[in-house]
N, C-alpha and C. Protein backbone atom coordinates (compact mmCIF):
# COMPACT_ATOMS: atom_id res chain seq x y z
N MET A 1 -43.21 -24.42 19.15
CA MET A 1 -42.92 -23.23 18.68
C MET A 1 -41.66 -22.51 18.42
N THR A 2 -40.91 -22.93 19.12
CA THR A 2 -39.08 -23.16 19.14
C THR A 2 -38.62 -23.20 18.03
N LYS A 3 -39.30 -24.54 17.44
CA LYS A 3 -39.19 -25.45 16.23
C LYS A 3 -39.39 -24.50 15.04
N ALA A 4 -40.51 -23.98 15.01
CA ALA A 4 -40.96 -23.08 13.74
C ALA A 4 -40.63 -21.91 13.65
N LEU A 5 -40.24 -21.20 15.11
CA LEU A 5 -39.29 -20.29 14.79
C LEU A 5 -37.95 -20.41 14.33
N THR A 6 -37.42 -21.47 14.84
CA THR A 6 -36.24 -21.62 13.84
C THR A 6 -36.13 -22.11 12.54
N LEU A 7 -37.19 -22.66 11.91
CA LEU A 7 -37.16 -22.93 10.77
C LEU A 7 -37.65 -21.82 9.79
N MET A 8 -38.34 -20.94 10.68
CA MET A 8 -38.62 -19.48 10.09
C MET A 8 -37.41 -18.69 9.86
N ALA A 9 -36.82 -18.74 11.19
CA ALA A 9 -35.39 -17.49 10.95
C ALA A 9 -34.62 -18.60 9.92
N THR A 10 -34.02 -19.42 9.42
CA THR A 10 -33.48 -20.46 8.78
C THR A 10 -34.10 -20.22 7.49
N ALA A 11 -34.96 -19.99 7.06
CA ALA A 11 -35.58 -19.66 5.41
C ALA A 11 -35.57 -18.18 5.43
N VAL A 12 -35.70 -17.59 6.52
CA VAL A 12 -35.31 -15.94 6.11
C VAL A 12 -33.62 -15.44 5.92
N PHE A 13 -32.97 -16.28 6.64
CA PHE A 13 -31.71 -16.04 6.69
C PHE A 13 -31.16 -16.39 4.93
N ASN A 14 -31.63 -17.65 4.66
CA ASN A 14 -31.13 -18.29 2.95
C ASN A 14 -31.61 -17.56 2.09
N PHE A 15 -33.11 -17.19 2.30
CA PHE A 15 -33.62 -15.97 1.14
C PHE A 15 -32.66 -14.74 1.19
N LEU A 16 -32.52 -14.31 2.54
CA LEU A 16 -31.48 -12.81 2.39
C LEU A 16 -30.28 -13.23 1.86
N TRP A 17 -29.72 -14.59 2.29
CA TRP A 17 -28.11 -15.04 1.94
C TRP A 17 -28.34 -15.21 -0.06
N ALA A 18 -29.58 -15.30 -0.46
CA ALA A 18 -29.35 -15.78 -1.71
C ALA A 18 -29.77 -14.26 -2.55
N VAL A 19 -30.12 -13.65 -2.02
CA VAL A 19 -30.69 -12.45 -2.51
C VAL A 19 -29.56 -11.60 -2.55
N PHE A 20 -29.04 -11.19 -0.78
CA PHE A 20 -27.95 -10.05 -0.75
C PHE A 20 -26.73 -11.08 -1.32
N GLY A 21 -26.35 -12.14 -0.95
CA GLY A 21 -25.33 -12.61 -0.74
C GLY A 21 -24.43 -12.50 -2.16
N ARG A 22 -24.90 -12.84 -3.12
CA ARG A 22 -24.64 -12.83 -4.34
C ARG A 22 -24.53 -11.37 -4.94
N THR A 23 -25.10 -10.72 -4.56
CA THR A 23 -25.09 -9.07 -5.10
C THR A 23 -24.10 -8.32 -3.96
N PHE A 24 -24.06 -8.93 -2.61
CA PHE A 24 -22.71 -8.47 -2.12
C PHE A 24 -20.92 -8.83 -2.80
N TRP A 25 -21.11 -10.16 -3.26
CA TRP A 25 -19.80 -10.49 -3.92
C TRP A 25 -20.12 -9.96 -5.47
N LEU A 26 -20.92 -9.56 -5.68
CA LEU A 26 -20.63 -8.93 -6.93
C LEU A 26 -20.35 -7.72 -6.87
N LEU A 27 -20.93 -6.70 -6.03
CA LEU A 27 -20.27 -5.48 -5.66
C LEU A 27 -18.74 -5.93 -5.26
N VAL A 28 -18.51 -6.59 -4.77
CA VAL A 28 -17.30 -6.76 -4.04
C VAL A 28 -15.93 -6.79 -5.84
N VAL A 29 -16.34 -7.64 -6.90
CA VAL A 29 -16.01 -7.74 -8.11
C VAL A 29 -16.22 -6.56 -8.83
N VAL A 30 -17.23 -5.62 -8.66
CA VAL A 30 -17.21 -4.52 -9.18
C VAL A 30 -16.26 -3.68 -8.43
N ILE A 31 -16.32 -3.31 -7.74
CA ILE A 31 -15.50 -2.21 -7.01
C ILE A 31 -13.72 -2.61 -7.51
N VAL A 32 -13.23 -4.02 -7.38
CA VAL A 32 -12.13 -4.33 -7.61
C VAL A 32 -11.67 -4.14 -9.01
N ALA A 33 -12.39 -4.15 -9.97
CA ALA A 33 -12.29 -4.06 -11.38
C ALA A 33 -12.48 -2.71 -11.59
N ALA A 34 -13.07 -1.62 -11.08
CA ALA A 34 -12.85 -0.05 -11.45
C ALA A 34 -11.96 0.14 -10.61
N LEU A 35 -11.15 -0.22 -8.97
CA LEU A 35 -9.80 -0.04 -8.77
C LEU A 35 -9.05 -0.24 -10.10
N ILE A 36 -8.79 -1.12 -10.72
CA ILE A 36 -7.75 -1.88 -11.22
C ILE A 36 -8.20 -1.20 -12.83
N TRP A 37 -9.12 -0.87 -13.16
CA TRP A 37 -9.12 0.14 -14.45
C TRP A 37 -8.58 1.45 -14.09
N ARG A 38 -9.07 2.05 -12.80
CA ARG A 38 -8.39 3.31 -12.47
C ARG A 38 -7.07 3.55 -12.64
N GLU A 39 -6.49 2.13 -12.11
CA GLU A 39 -4.96 2.41 -12.13
C GLU A 39 -4.45 2.25 -13.53
N VAL A 40 -4.66 1.41 -14.21
CA VAL A 40 -4.48 1.11 -15.77
C VAL A 40 -4.98 2.06 -17.04
N SER A 41 -5.96 2.93 -16.63
CA SER A 41 -6.71 3.50 -17.56
C SER A 41 -6.25 4.66 -17.99
N ASP A 42 -5.06 5.41 -17.62
CA ASP A 42 -4.76 6.78 -18.17
C ASP A 42 -4.15 6.60 -19.09
N VAL A 43 -3.17 5.53 -19.13
CA VAL A 43 -2.04 4.86 -19.98
C VAL A 43 -2.67 4.53 -21.17
N SER A 44 -3.73 3.46 -21.19
CA SER A 44 -4.86 2.93 -21.90
C SER A 44 -5.75 3.77 -22.82
N LYS A 45 -6.12 4.73 -21.95
CA LYS A 45 -6.81 5.86 -22.87
C LYS A 45 -6.00 6.70 -23.26
N TYR A 46 -5.28 7.39 -23.02
CA TYR A 46 -4.27 8.32 -23.98
C TYR A 46 -3.53 7.51 -25.13
N SER A 47 -3.51 5.93 -24.97
CA SER A 47 -2.74 5.39 -26.14
C SER A 47 -3.73 4.93 -27.27
N GLU A 48 -4.88 4.96 -26.70
CA GLU A 48 -5.99 4.51 -27.66
C GLU A 48 -6.56 6.09 -28.45
N LYS A 49 -6.65 7.08 -27.07
CA LYS A 49 -6.79 8.80 -27.80
C LYS A 49 -6.21 8.78 -28.72
N TYR A 50 -4.44 8.93 -29.03
CA TYR A 50 -3.93 9.53 -29.59
C TYR A 50 -3.02 8.58 -30.71
N GLY A 51 -3.64 7.16 -30.81
CA GLY A 51 -3.10 6.21 -31.50
C GLY A 51 -1.99 5.65 -31.15
N VAL A 52 -1.08 5.91 -29.97
CA VAL A 52 0.16 5.37 -29.93
C VAL A 52 0.56 4.25 -29.24
N PRO A 53 1.17 3.32 -29.15
CA PRO A 53 1.68 2.46 -28.12
C PRO A 53 2.09 3.23 -26.95
N GLU A 54 1.51 2.08 -25.41
CA GLU A 54 1.45 2.42 -24.50
C GLU A 54 2.48 2.74 -23.75
N GLN A 55 3.81 2.45 -24.83
CA GLN A 55 5.01 2.71 -23.67
C GLN A 55 5.56 4.43 -24.57
N ASN A 56 4.73 5.02 -25.20
CA ASN A 56 4.84 6.08 -25.34
C ASN A 56 4.21 7.25 -24.80
N VAL A 57 3.40 6.69 -23.81
CA VAL A 57 2.68 7.41 -23.26
C VAL A 57 3.17 7.67 -21.68
N HIS A 58 3.90 8.81 -21.47
CA HIS A 58 4.74 9.03 -20.36
C HIS A 58 4.00 10.08 -19.08
N ILE A 59 3.74 9.10 -18.10
CA ILE A 59 3.04 10.12 -17.32
C ILE A 59 3.48 10.40 -15.58
N ALA A 60 3.80 11.47 -15.35
CA ALA A 60 4.39 12.16 -14.49
C ALA A 60 3.59 11.78 -13.21
N PRO A 61 4.48 11.51 -12.00
CA PRO A 61 3.55 11.21 -10.50
C PRO A 61 2.70 12.48 -10.36
N LYS A 62 1.29 12.28 -9.56
CA LYS A 62 0.74 13.54 -9.39
C LYS A 62 1.46 14.16 -8.07
N PRO A 63 1.78 15.37 -7.75
CA PRO A 63 2.75 15.52 -7.04
C PRO A 63 1.22 15.59 -5.38
N THR A 64 2.21 15.81 -4.24
CA THR A 64 1.02 15.86 -3.41
C THR A 64 1.35 17.03 -2.58
N ALA A 65 1.87 17.79 -2.84
CA ALA A 65 1.95 19.10 -2.07
C ALA A 65 0.92 19.96 -1.68
N CYS A 66 -0.66 19.39 -2.38
CA CYS A 66 -1.66 20.02 -2.09
C CYS A 66 -2.49 19.33 -1.15
N ASP A 67 -2.14 17.98 -0.61
CA ASP A 67 -3.04 17.19 0.01
C ASP A 67 -3.33 17.74 1.09
N TRP A 68 -4.28 17.54 1.85
CA TRP A 68 -4.67 17.51 3.31
C TRP A 68 -3.37 17.32 4.17
N GLY A 69 -3.18 15.67 4.07
CA GLY A 69 -2.00 15.54 5.05
C GLY A 69 -0.62 15.67 5.00
N HIS A 70 -0.18 16.49 3.80
CA HIS A 70 1.40 16.60 3.40
C HIS A 70 1.70 17.58 4.29
N ALA A 71 2.75 17.76 4.89
CA ALA A 71 3.22 18.71 5.71
C ALA A 71 3.20 20.17 5.15
N PRO A 72 2.73 21.16 5.81
CA PRO A 72 2.10 21.74 6.99
C PRO A 72 0.46 21.04 7.00
N LEU A 73 0.29 20.14 7.95
CA LEU A 73 -1.01 19.56 8.04
C LEU A 73 -2.61 20.51 7.63
N GLY A 74 -3.39 20.35 6.98
CA GLY A 74 -4.52 21.00 6.65
C GLY A 74 -4.48 21.24 5.30
N ASN A 75 -5.52 22.27 5.03
CA ASN A 75 -5.75 22.85 3.36
C ASN A 75 -4.79 23.73 3.03
N LYS A 76 -4.60 23.08 2.10
CA LYS A 76 -3.83 24.34 1.32
C LYS A 76 -4.21 25.13 0.29
N ASP A 77 -5.42 24.90 0.21
CA ASP A 77 -6.11 26.28 -0.89
C ASP A 77 -5.34 25.88 -2.15
N CYS A 78 -4.97 24.58 -2.83
CA CYS A 78 -4.37 24.54 -4.27
C CYS A 78 -4.89 22.96 -4.41
N HIS A 79 -4.71 22.83 -5.70
CA HIS A 79 -4.79 21.29 -6.37
C HIS A 79 -4.10 21.47 -7.45
N PHE A 80 -3.89 20.06 -7.85
CA PHE A 80 -3.29 19.84 -9.54
C PHE A 80 -3.83 19.51 -10.21
N GLU A 81 -3.75 19.87 -11.70
CA GLU A 81 -4.28 19.76 -12.79
C GLU A 81 -3.45 18.63 -13.51
N LYS A 82 -4.17 18.23 -14.55
CA LYS A 82 -3.32 17.45 -15.44
C LYS A 82 -3.61 18.22 -16.90
N VAL A 83 -2.13 18.07 -16.95
CA VAL A 83 -1.82 18.85 -18.54
C VAL A 83 -1.31 17.78 -19.53
N VAL A 84 -1.91 17.53 -20.90
CA VAL A 84 -1.41 16.51 -21.46
C VAL A 84 -1.14 17.12 -22.80
N THR A 85 0.22 16.76 -22.95
CA THR A 85 1.22 17.35 -24.04
C THR A 85 1.43 16.28 -25.40
N PRO A 86 0.39 16.18 -26.41
CA PRO A 86 0.78 15.11 -27.30
C PRO A 86 1.97 15.87 -28.20
N ILE A 87 3.28 15.16 -28.61
CA ILE A 87 4.46 15.35 -29.45
C ILE A 87 4.01 14.80 -30.56
N LYS A 88 4.29 15.58 -31.95
CA LYS A 88 3.93 15.22 -33.21
C LYS A 88 5.10 15.18 -33.99
N ASN A 89 5.44 14.10 -35.00
CA ASN A 89 6.60 14.32 -36.03
C ASN A 89 6.35 15.28 -37.17
N ASP A 90 7.20 15.35 -38.18
CA ASP A 90 7.15 16.34 -39.36
C ASP A 90 6.11 15.92 -39.96
N ALA A 91 5.41 14.86 -39.70
CA ALA A 91 4.23 14.44 -40.77
C ALA A 91 2.93 14.83 -40.19
N GLY A 92 2.92 15.62 -38.67
CA GLY A 92 1.77 15.82 -37.93
C GLY A 92 0.98 14.60 -37.07
N ARG A 93 1.75 13.72 -36.86
CA ARG A 93 1.33 12.02 -36.45
C ARG A 93 1.58 12.26 -35.10
N VAL A 94 0.98 12.05 -33.89
CA VAL A 94 1.14 12.12 -32.63
C VAL A 94 2.08 10.35 -32.38
N THR A 95 3.40 11.02 -31.94
CA THR A 95 4.31 9.67 -31.75
C THR A 95 4.90 9.34 -30.30
N ASP A 96 4.30 10.70 -29.33
CA ASP A 96 4.25 10.15 -27.94
C ASP A 96 3.33 11.94 -26.91
N VAL A 97 2.73 11.11 -26.13
CA VAL A 97 2.25 11.72 -25.33
C VAL A 97 2.61 11.83 -23.48
N TYR A 98 2.83 13.23 -23.61
CA TYR A 98 3.41 13.14 -21.76
C TYR A 98 2.45 14.29 -21.12
N ILE A 99 2.02 13.47 -19.68
CA ILE A 99 0.98 13.73 -18.87
C ILE A 99 1.91 14.65 -17.74
N SER A 100 1.80 16.06 -17.48
CA SER A 100 2.25 16.59 -16.42
C SER A 100 1.04 17.13 -15.61
N TRP A 101 1.59 17.87 -14.40
CA TRP A 101 0.90 18.29 -13.52
C TRP A 101 0.96 19.66 -13.42
N THR A 102 0.12 20.73 -13.21
CA THR A 102 0.21 22.25 -12.90
C THR A 102 -0.39 22.87 -11.66
N ARG A 103 -0.15 23.27 -10.79
CA ARG A 103 -0.44 23.36 -9.44
C ARG A 103 -1.54 24.80 -9.68
N VAL A 104 -2.68 24.80 -9.29
CA VAL A 104 -3.72 25.56 -9.35
C VAL A 104 -4.09 26.24 -7.98
N ASN A 105 -4.31 27.45 -7.45
CA ASN A 105 -4.68 27.91 -6.30
C ASN A 105 -6.36 28.11 -6.57
N ASP A 106 -6.58 27.78 -5.46
CA ASP A 106 -7.80 27.96 -5.25
C ASP A 106 -8.97 28.85 -4.89
């Protein structure tokens, strides 16, 4: 009886590993790829959108003054919104893109 239960448990484990083990690693790869894309996506996105080289996209760091953990601790009733400013030359072609932040009170 014990040998049969051991074989059955092993079969169930192998089945679950075959189904969910691969899914787990696929999920890990997808999450890592999403995090990497999130980090590089703003520069690439605005470079493509405005047709400028990536080195001409200038992004200011997002301020942390409204974050819950920023002193003083707690809700500040505010957030920062992204402001995109394309700079055009005399021919009307975008040459640079500047991204800054503006504070919005909630």
